[in-house]
Amino acid sequence: MALNLEVVSLEQLETAILGLTLEERQRLLVWFEENRRELLGDDSDELSQEQEAEVVRRRDLALAHPELLEPWDGTIERVRERTPAWLGR
């Protein structure tokens, strides 16, 4: 399916993506990931010193206090429960 992206709406693009087969969606995901920096205007591959320090701080906290960690299972549901209705829950 060829789309004229100058006149396609976001909703039409979403519908087209949802109409793809699983294999096509996976290919799109790989393509997007390979091109996301260019597409989103982010050409930096490196973390800033502040970002790196925050990652290390969180790692150290997790190692020192594993009881504070939450399992990944159910994360999306927990986030949705915590999201205010005005944010589109």
N, C-alpha and C. Protein backbone atom coordinates (compact mmCIF):
# COMPACT_ATOMS: atom_id res chain seq x y z
N MET A 1 0.85 -1.17 0.00
CA MET A 1 0.00 0.00 0.00
C MET A 1 0.90 1.24 0.00
N ALA A 2 0.71 2.10 -0.95
CA ALA A 2 1.48 3.33 -1.03
C ALA A 2 0.68 4.45 -0.38
N LEU A 3 1.35 5.21 0.46
CA LEU A 3 0.70 6.33 1.13
C LEU A 3 1.38 7.62 0.73
N ASN A 4 0.60 8.64 0.44
CA ASN A 4 1.14 9.97 0.22
C ASN A 4 1.22 10.62 1.59
N LEU A 5 2.41 10.64 2.16
CA LEU A 5 2.57 11.11 3.53
C LEU A 5 2.33 12.59 3.70
N GLU A 6 2.21 13.32 2.60
CA GLU A 6 1.91 14.74 2.71
C GLU A 6 0.46 14.98 3.08
N VAL A 7 -0.40 13.98 2.86
CA VAL A 7 -1.82 14.16 3.14
C VAL A 7 -2.38 13.11 4.08
N VAL A 8 -1.55 12.23 4.59
CA VAL A 8 -2.03 11.18 5.48
C VAL A 8 -2.08 11.70 6.92
N SER A 9 -3.14 11.34 7.62
CA SER A 9 -3.26 11.75 9.02
C SER A 9 -2.57 10.71 9.89
N LEU A 10 -2.34 11.08 11.12
CA LEU A 10 -1.75 10.14 12.07
C LEU A 10 -2.67 8.94 12.24
N GLU A 11 -3.97 9.18 12.29
CA GLU A 11 -4.92 8.08 12.43
C GLU A 11 -4.84 7.12 11.25
N GLN A 12 -4.69 7.66 10.02
CA GLN A 12 -4.57 6.81 8.84
C GLN A 12 -3.27 6.00 8.90
N LEU A 13 -2.21 6.63 9.36
CA LEU A 13 -0.94 5.94 9.48
C LEU A 13 -1.04 4.82 10.51
N GLU A 14 -1.67 5.10 11.66
CA GLU A 14 -1.86 4.07 12.68
C GLU A 14 -2.68 2.90 12.13
N THR A 15 -3.74 3.20 11.39
CA THR A 15 -4.57 2.15 10.81
C THR A 15 -3.77 1.31 9.83
N ALA A 16 -2.95 1.98 9.02
CA ALA A 16 -2.12 1.25 8.05
C ALA A 16 -1.14 0.34 8.77
N ILE A 17 -0.54 0.83 9.84
CA ILE A 17 0.42 0.01 10.60
C ILE A 17 -0.28 -1.18 11.23
N LEU A 18 -1.45 -0.95 11.80
CA LEU A 18 -2.20 -2.05 12.42
C LEU A 18 -2.66 -3.07 11.38
N GLY A 19 -2.74 -2.66 10.12
CA GLY A 19 -3.12 -3.57 9.04
C GLY A 19 -1.98 -4.43 8.54
N LEU A 20 -0.77 -4.15 9.01
CA LEU A 20 0.39 -4.94 8.59
C LEU A 20 0.38 -6.31 9.26
N THR A 21 1.02 -7.25 8.61
CA THR A 21 1.19 -8.56 9.24
C THR A 21 2.19 -8.42 10.38
N LEU A 22 2.25 -9.42 11.24
CA LEU A 22 3.20 -9.41 12.34
C LEU A 22 4.63 -9.28 11.82
N GLU A 23 4.96 -9.99 10.78
CA GLU A 23 6.32 -9.91 10.20
C GLU A 23 6.60 -8.50 9.68
N GLU A 24 5.62 -7.88 9.03
CA GLU A 24 5.81 -6.52 8.52
C GLU A 24 5.97 -5.52 9.66
N ARG A 25 5.20 -5.70 10.74
CA ARG A 25 5.34 -4.81 11.90
C ARG A 25 6.72 -4.96 12.53
N GLN A 26 7.21 -6.19 12.61
CA GLN A 26 8.54 -6.41 13.17
C GLN A 26 9.60 -5.75 12.29
N ARG A 27 9.46 -5.84 10.98
CA ARG A 27 10.39 -5.16 10.07
C ARG A 27 10.33 -3.65 10.27
N LEU A 28 9.11 -3.11 10.42
CA LEU A 28 8.94 -1.68 10.65
C LEU A 28 9.60 -1.26 11.95
N LEU A 29 9.42 -2.07 12.99
CA LEU A 29 10.03 -1.77 14.28
C LEU A 29 11.55 -1.73 14.17
N VAL A 30 12.13 -2.70 13.50
CA VAL A 30 13.59 -2.73 13.31
C VAL A 30 14.03 -1.50 12.52
N TRP A 31 13.30 -1.18 11.44
CA TRP A 31 13.65 -0.01 10.63
C TRP A 31 13.57 1.27 11.46
N PHE A 32 12.48 1.41 12.24
CA PHE A 32 12.33 2.61 13.04
C PHE A 32 13.47 2.73 14.04
N GLU A 33 13.80 1.64 14.72
CA GLU A 33 14.87 1.68 15.71
C GLU A 33 16.20 2.06 15.06
N GLU A 34 16.45 1.54 13.87
CA GLU A 34 17.70 1.86 13.17
C GLU A 34 17.74 3.32 12.73
N ASN A 35 16.59 3.94 12.56
CA ASN A 35 16.53 5.30 12.03
C ASN A 35 15.97 6.33 13.00
N ARG A 36 15.70 5.91 14.25
CA ARG A 36 15.00 6.82 15.16
C ARG A 36 15.76 8.09 15.48
N ARG A 37 17.06 8.01 15.58
CA ARG A 37 17.83 9.23 15.90
C ARG A 37 17.68 10.27 14.80
N GLU A 38 17.77 9.82 13.56
CA GLU A 38 17.60 10.73 12.44
C GLU A 38 16.15 11.24 12.38
N LEU A 39 15.19 10.35 12.57
CA LEU A 39 13.78 10.72 12.50
C LEU A 39 13.39 11.69 13.61
N LEU A 40 13.96 11.52 14.80
CA LEU A 40 13.58 12.32 15.95
C LEU A 40 14.55 13.45 16.24
N GLY A 41 15.58 13.59 15.40
CA GLY A 41 16.52 14.68 15.56
C GLY A 41 17.50 14.49 16.71
N ASP A 42 17.73 13.24 17.11
CA ASP A 42 18.66 12.96 18.20
C ASP A 42 19.86 12.23 17.63
N ASP A 43 20.97 12.93 17.51
CA ASP A 43 22.15 12.32 16.91
C ASP A 43 23.17 11.87 17.95
N SER A 44 22.81 11.93 19.21
CA SER A 44 23.76 11.55 20.24
C SER A 44 23.54 10.10 20.65
N ASP A 45 24.62 9.34 20.68
CA ASP A 45 24.56 7.94 21.11
C ASP A 45 24.95 7.81 22.57
N GLU A 46 25.59 8.80 23.09
CA GLU A 46 26.17 8.71 24.42
C GLU A 46 25.25 9.34 25.47
N LEU A 47 25.32 8.79 26.67
CA LEU A 47 24.64 9.41 27.79
C LEU A 47 25.46 10.59 28.27
N SER A 48 24.77 11.60 28.76
CA SER A 48 25.50 12.71 29.37
C SER A 48 26.09 12.22 30.69
N GLN A 49 26.98 12.98 31.26
CA GLN A 49 27.56 12.60 32.55
C GLN A 49 26.47 12.52 33.62
N GLU A 50 25.51 13.43 33.55
CA GLU A 50 24.42 13.43 34.51
C GLU A 50 23.56 12.18 34.36
N GLN A 51 23.27 11.80 33.11
CA GLN A 51 22.47 10.61 32.87
C GLN A 51 23.20 9.35 33.34
N GLU A 52 24.48 9.27 33.03
CA GLU A 52 25.26 8.12 33.45
C GLU A 52 25.32 8.03 34.98
N ALA A 53 25.50 9.16 35.63
CA ALA A 53 25.53 9.18 37.10
C ALA A 53 24.19 8.71 37.67
N GLU A 54 23.09 9.10 37.05
CA GLU A 54 21.77 8.68 37.52
C GLU A 54 21.57 7.18 37.33
N VAL A 55 22.02 6.63 36.22
CA VAL A 55 21.93 5.18 35.98
C VAL A 55 22.73 4.43 37.05
N VAL A 56 23.92 4.89 37.32
CA VAL A 56 24.76 4.25 38.34
C VAL A 56 24.12 4.37 39.71
N ARG A 57 23.56 5.54 40.03
CA ARG A 57 22.91 5.74 41.32
C ARG A 57 21.74 4.78 41.49
N ARG A 58 20.93 4.64 40.44
CA ARG A 58 19.78 3.73 40.52
C ARG A 58 20.21 2.27 40.61
N ARG A 59 21.27 1.92 39.88
CA ARG A 59 21.79 0.56 39.98
C ARG A 59 22.26 0.26 41.39
N ASP A 60 23.03 1.19 41.96
CA ASP A 60 23.54 1.01 43.31
C ASP A 60 22.40 0.89 44.32
N LEU A 61 21.36 1.71 44.15
CA LEU A 61 20.21 1.64 45.04
C LEU A 61 19.51 0.29 44.92
N ALA A 62 19.35 -0.19 43.70
CA ALA A 62 18.69 -1.49 43.48
C ALA A 62 19.50 -2.62 44.09
N LEU A 63 20.81 -2.55 43.96
CA LEU A 63 21.66 -3.60 44.53
C LEU A 63 21.64 -3.56 46.06
N ALA A 64 21.60 -2.37 46.61
CA ALA A 64 21.62 -2.22 48.06
C ALA A 64 20.26 -2.53 48.69
N HIS A 65 19.17 -2.28 47.95
CA HIS A 65 17.82 -2.44 48.50
C HIS A 65 16.91 -3.15 47.49
N PRO A 66 17.13 -4.42 47.23
CA PRO A 66 16.29 -5.12 46.23
C PRO A 66 14.82 -5.18 46.63
N GLU A 67 14.52 -4.99 47.91
CA GLU A 67 13.12 -5.01 48.34
C GLU A 67 12.33 -3.82 47.79
N LEU A 68 13.02 -2.79 47.31
CA LEU A 68 12.35 -1.63 46.73
C LEU A 68 11.94 -1.86 45.27
N LEU A 69 12.47 -2.90 44.66
CA LEU A 69 12.20 -3.16 43.24
C LEU A 69 10.82 -3.75 43.05
N GLU A 70 10.23 -3.45 41.91
CA GLU A 70 8.94 -4.02 41.55
C GLU A 70 9.14 -4.93 40.35
N PRO A 71 8.40 -6.04 40.28
CA PRO A 71 8.54 -6.92 39.13
C PRO A 71 8.00 -6.25 37.86
N TRP A 72 8.55 -6.64 36.72
CA TRP A 72 8.09 -6.08 35.44
C TRP A 72 6.69 -6.56 35.09
N ASP A 73 6.35 -7.78 35.52
CA ASP A 73 5.02 -8.31 35.22
C ASP A 73 3.97 -7.36 35.78
N GLY A 74 3.05 -6.96 34.94
CA GLY A 74 1.98 -6.07 35.37
C GLY A 74 2.35 -4.60 35.39
N THR A 75 3.53 -4.24 34.89
CA THR A 75 3.97 -2.84 34.93
C THR A 75 3.02 -1.92 34.19
N ILE A 76 2.60 -2.32 33.00
CA ILE A 76 1.72 -1.45 32.20
C ILE A 76 0.42 -1.21 32.95
N GLU A 77 -0.13 -2.26 33.55
CA GLU A 77 -1.37 -2.10 34.30
C GLU A 77 -1.17 -1.17 35.50
N ARG A 78 -0.04 -1.31 36.22
CA ARG A 78 0.21 -0.43 37.37
C ARG A 78 0.36 1.02 36.93
N VAL A 79 1.02 1.26 35.83
CA VAL A 79 1.18 2.63 35.33
C VAL A 79 -0.18 3.20 34.96
N ARG A 80 -0.99 2.41 34.29
CA ARG A 80 -2.34 2.88 33.92
C ARG A 80 -3.16 3.22 35.16
N GLU A 81 -3.04 2.40 36.20
CA GLU A 81 -3.78 2.67 37.43
C GLU A 81 -3.34 3.97 38.07
N ARG A 82 -2.07 4.30 37.95
CA ARG A 82 -1.51 5.51 38.58
C ARG A 82 -1.67 6.75 37.72
N THR A 83 -2.08 6.56 36.47
CA THR A 83 -2.18 7.68 35.53
C THR A 83 -3.49 8.42 35.75
N PRO A 84 -3.42 9.73 35.95
CA PRO A 84 -4.65 10.50 36.13
C PRO A 84 -5.53 10.41 34.88
N ALA A 85 -6.82 10.46 35.07
CA ALA A 85 -7.77 10.35 33.96
C ALA A 85 -7.54 11.43 32.90
N TRP A 86 -7.14 12.62 33.32
CA TRP A 86 -6.96 13.71 32.36
C TRP A 86 -5.77 13.47 31.42
N LEU A 87 -4.93 12.49 31.73
CA LEU A 87 -3.84 12.14 30.81
C LEU A 87 -4.26 11.08 29.81
N GLY A 88 -5.52 10.70 29.84
CA GLY A 88 -6.03 9.77 28.84
C GLY A 88 -5.97 8.32 29.26
N ARG A 89 -6.13 8.08 30.53
CA ARG A 89 -6.12 6.72 31.06
C ARG A 89 -7.10 5.84 30.37
